[in-house]
C-alpha cells in the first residue's frame, strides 16, 4: 500500500469522476465539521493537503499532526476508521492513538513558514499527479492540471 491508497478519495481519483462518483465521494463527508466544505467543494485541494500533511507526519513533523486531524475530521467516522487502519502501516501506535482519540481543538498550532510554503506550492504543482476529469475551476487546479499534463508529455517522450 502507498500513501495515495490511504486516502478516502483514492477511488474517486481513479474513477471517471462523473455524477455517481461525485455522490459516492460526498457520502464520505462529515457535514457537521466546519472544515468539511474543503472536502465537499475542493477535493483536489483536500487531497494535496492530505498527502502533504501526512508525509510531514510520517517524517516526524509533530506540528503537522493538527492539520492531519482537521482533514480527517472532514470525513465520516466510518471513513476515518478505514483511513486510520490503513495508516497503521506508516505511523506509530502513539500517533494513531492521537489521531483516533484526540480533538484537534485541544492542540496548539505552531506555524512553520517553510512547511506552509511547501504545502502551498504542492497545491499548485500537483506532485501527486491527481487528474481532474472535470473542468478546473480554481487557479491552483488549472496550474495543477498543466503540470500533470506536462509530466505526461515528458514521460511519453522518454
Protein backbone atom coordinates (compact mmCIF):
# COMPACT_ATOMS: atom_id res chain seq x y z
CA UNK A 1 0.00 0.00 0.00
CA UNK A 2 1.21 3.52 -0.73
CA UNK A 3 0.20 6.85 0.80
CA UNK A 4 -2.24 7.69 -2.00
CA UNK A 5 -4.14 4.46 -1.34
CA UNK A 6 -4.85 5.51 2.25
CA UNK A 7 -6.87 8.48 1.06
CA UNK A 8 -10.66 8.37 1.23
CA UNK A 9 -10.55 9.93 -2.26
CA UNK A 10 -8.34 7.24 -3.82
CA UNK A 11 -11.25 5.58 -5.63
CA UNK A 12 -12.54 8.97 -6.76
CA UNK A 13 -9.24 9.87 -8.46
CA UNK A 14 -9.28 6.51 -10.22
CA UNK A 15 -12.88 6.89 -11.39
CA UNK A 16 -14.48 8.79 -14.25
CA UNK A 17 -15.44 11.48 -11.70
CA UNK A 18 -18.98 11.52 -13.05
CA UNK A 19 -22.15 12.31 -11.10
CA UNK A 20 -22.34 8.87 -9.48
CA UNK A 21 -18.67 9.05 -8.46
CA UNK A 22 -19.30 12.50 -7.04
CA UNK A 23 -22.22 11.16 -4.98
CA UNK A 24 -20.07 8.32 -3.63
CA UNK A 25 -17.38 10.83 -2.70
CA UNK A 26 -19.84 13.03 -0.86
CA UNK A 27 -21.15 10.06 1.15
CA UNK A 28 -17.77 10.10 2.90
CA UNK A 29 -18.31 13.65 4.14
CA UNK A 30 -18.79 14.67 7.76
CA UNK A 31 -21.24 17.55 7.26
CA UNK A 32 -21.10 18.55 10.94
CA UNK A 33 -17.46 19.61 10.74
CA UNK A 34 -16.87 23.31 9.94
CA UNK A 35 -13.91 22.47 7.67
CA UNK A 36 -15.92 19.91 5.67
CA UNK A 37 -16.51 22.45 2.91
CA UNK A 38 -12.96 21.75 1.75
CA UNK A 39 -13.71 18.04 1.29
CA UNK A 40 -17.08 18.68 -0.36
CA UNK A 41 -16.16 21.59 -2.65
CA UNK A 42 -12.44 21.25 -3.30
CA UNK A 43 -11.37 17.60 -3.44
CA UNK A 44 -8.20 18.46 -5.38
CA UNK A 45 -7.00 20.82 -2.65
CA UNK A 46 -8.10 18.41 0.10
CA UNK A 47 -6.13 15.56 -1.46
CA UNK A 48 -2.98 17.61 -1.93
CA UNK A 49 -3.20 18.80 1.66
CA UNK A 50 -3.85 15.26 2.90
CA UNK A 51 -0.86 13.75 1.14
CA UNK A 52 1.46 16.66 2.01
CA UNK A 53 0.50 16.80 5.67
CA UNK A 54 0.54 13.01 6.01
CA UNK A 55 4.06 12.88 4.57
CA UNK A 56 5.13 15.53 7.08
CA UNK A 57 3.65 13.49 9.95
CA UNK A 58 5.34 10.31 8.68
CA UNK A 59 8.63 12.24 8.60
CA UNK A 60 8.15 13.09 12.28
CA UNK A 61 6.78 16.63 12.00
CA UNK A 62 4.59 16.86 15.12
CA UNK A 63 3.37 20.31 14.09
CA UNK A 64 1.57 18.77 11.08
CA UNK A 65 -0.46 16.43 13.28
CA UNK A 66 -3.14 19.06 13.90
CA UNK A 67 -3.51 19.61 10.15
CA UNK A 68 -3.99 15.90 9.59
CA UNK A 69 -6.56 15.80 12.41
CA UNK A 70 -8.50 18.65 10.80
CA UNK A 71 -8.51 16.89 7.43
CA UNK A 72 -9.64 13.61 8.98
CA UNK A 73 -12.42 15.41 10.82
CA UNK A 74 -13.98 16.34 7.47
CA UNK A 75 -14.76 12.71 6.66
CA UNK A 76 -17.35 10.47 8.30
CA UNK A 77 -16.42 8.42 11.36
CA UNK A 78 -16.67 5.23 9.32
CA UNK A 79 -14.27 6.58 6.69
CA UNK A 80 -11.92 7.88 9.36
CA UNK A 81 -11.68 4.39 10.88
CA UNK A 82 -10.84 2.95 7.45
CA UNK A 83 -8.18 5.61 6.84
CA UNK A 84 -6.63 5.20 10.29
CA UNK A 85 -6.48 1.43 9.88
CA UNK A 86 -4.62 1.89 6.60
CA UNK A 87 -2.25 4.41 8.21
CA UNK A 88 -1.06 1.83 10.74
CA UNK A 89 1.49 0.80 8.09
CA UNK A 90 3.02 4.28 8.07
CA UNK A 91 2.56 5.70 11.57
CA UNK A 92 3.48 4.51 15.05
CA UNK A 93 0.84 3.41 17.55
CA UNK A 94 1.15 6.59 19.61
CA UNK A 95 0.40 8.80 16.60
CA UNK A 96 -2.52 6.60 15.53
CA UNK A 97 -3.86 6.79 19.09
CA UNK A 98 -3.71 10.59 18.97
CA UNK A 99 -5.45 10.68 15.60
CA UNK A 100 -8.20 8.37 16.86
CA UNK A 101 -8.81 9.88 20.27
CA UNK A 102 -7.69 13.48 20.48
CA UNK A 103 -9.57 16.53 19.35
CA UNK A 104 -7.65 18.96 17.16
CA UNK A 105 -9.22 21.85 19.08
CA UNK A 106 -7.07 20.82 22.05
CA UNK A 107 -3.76 21.05 20.16
CA UNK A 108 -1.72 24.18 19.84
CA UNK A 109 -0.73 25.30 16.38
CA UNK A 110 2.85 26.01 15.55
CA UNK A 111 3.44 28.00 12.43
CA UNK A 112 6.30 26.86 10.23
CA UNK A 113 6.80 29.16 7.26
CA UNK A 114 8.67 26.58 5.17
CA UNK A 115 6.09 23.85 5.73
CA UNK A 116 3.31 26.27 4.78
CA UNK A 117 5.17 27.39 1.66
CA UNK A 118 5.90 23.80 0.63
CA UNK A 119 2.25 22.80 1.01
CA UNK A 120 1.09 25.91 -0.84
CA UNK A 121 3.48 25.09 -3.70
CA UNK A 122 2.27 21.47 -3.71
CA UNK A 123 -1.29 22.57 -4.38
CA UNK A 124 -0.15 24.50 -7.45
CA UNK A 125 2.27 21.95 -8.97
CA UNK A 126 0.36 18.72 -8.26
CA UNK A 127 3.27 16.40 -7.42
CA UNK A 128 0.88 13.57 -6.56
CA UNK A 129 -0.38 13.53 -10.15
CA UNK A 130 -4.05 13.98 -9.37
CA UNK A 131 -6.14 14.14 -12.51
CA UNK A 132 -9.22 16.33 -12.53
CA UNK A 133 -11.50 15.00 -15.22
CA UNK A 134 -13.85 17.97 -14.94
CA UNK A 135 -13.01 21.50 -15.95
CA UNK A 136 -10.69 23.08 -13.35
CA UNK A 137 -12.36 25.98 -11.53
CA UNK A 138 -9.60 27.48 -9.43
CA UNK A 139 -6.20 28.82 -10.47
CA UNK A 140 -4.38 26.13 -8.44
CA UNK A 141 -6.44 23.44 -10.20
CA UNK A 142 -5.53 24.90 -13.59
CA UNK A 143 -1.83 25.05 -12.78
CA UNK A 144 -2.01 21.58 -11.23
CA UNK A 145 -3.55 20.16 -14.41
CA UNK A 146 -0.94 22.00 -16.51
CA UNK A 147 1.87 20.31 -14.56
CA UNK A 148 0.04 16.98 -14.68
CA UNK A 149 -0.22 17.14 -18.49
CA UNK A 150 3.36 18.39 -18.82
CA UNK A 151 4.63 15.41 -16.81
CA UNK A 152 2.63 13.05 -19.01
CA UNK A 153 4.14 14.57 -22.18
CA UNK A 154 7.67 14.46 -20.77
CA UNK A 155 7.28 10.84 -19.64
CA UNK A 156 5.89 9.80 -23.02
CA UNK A 157 8.90 11.30 -24.78
CA UNK A 158 11.42 9.40 -22.67
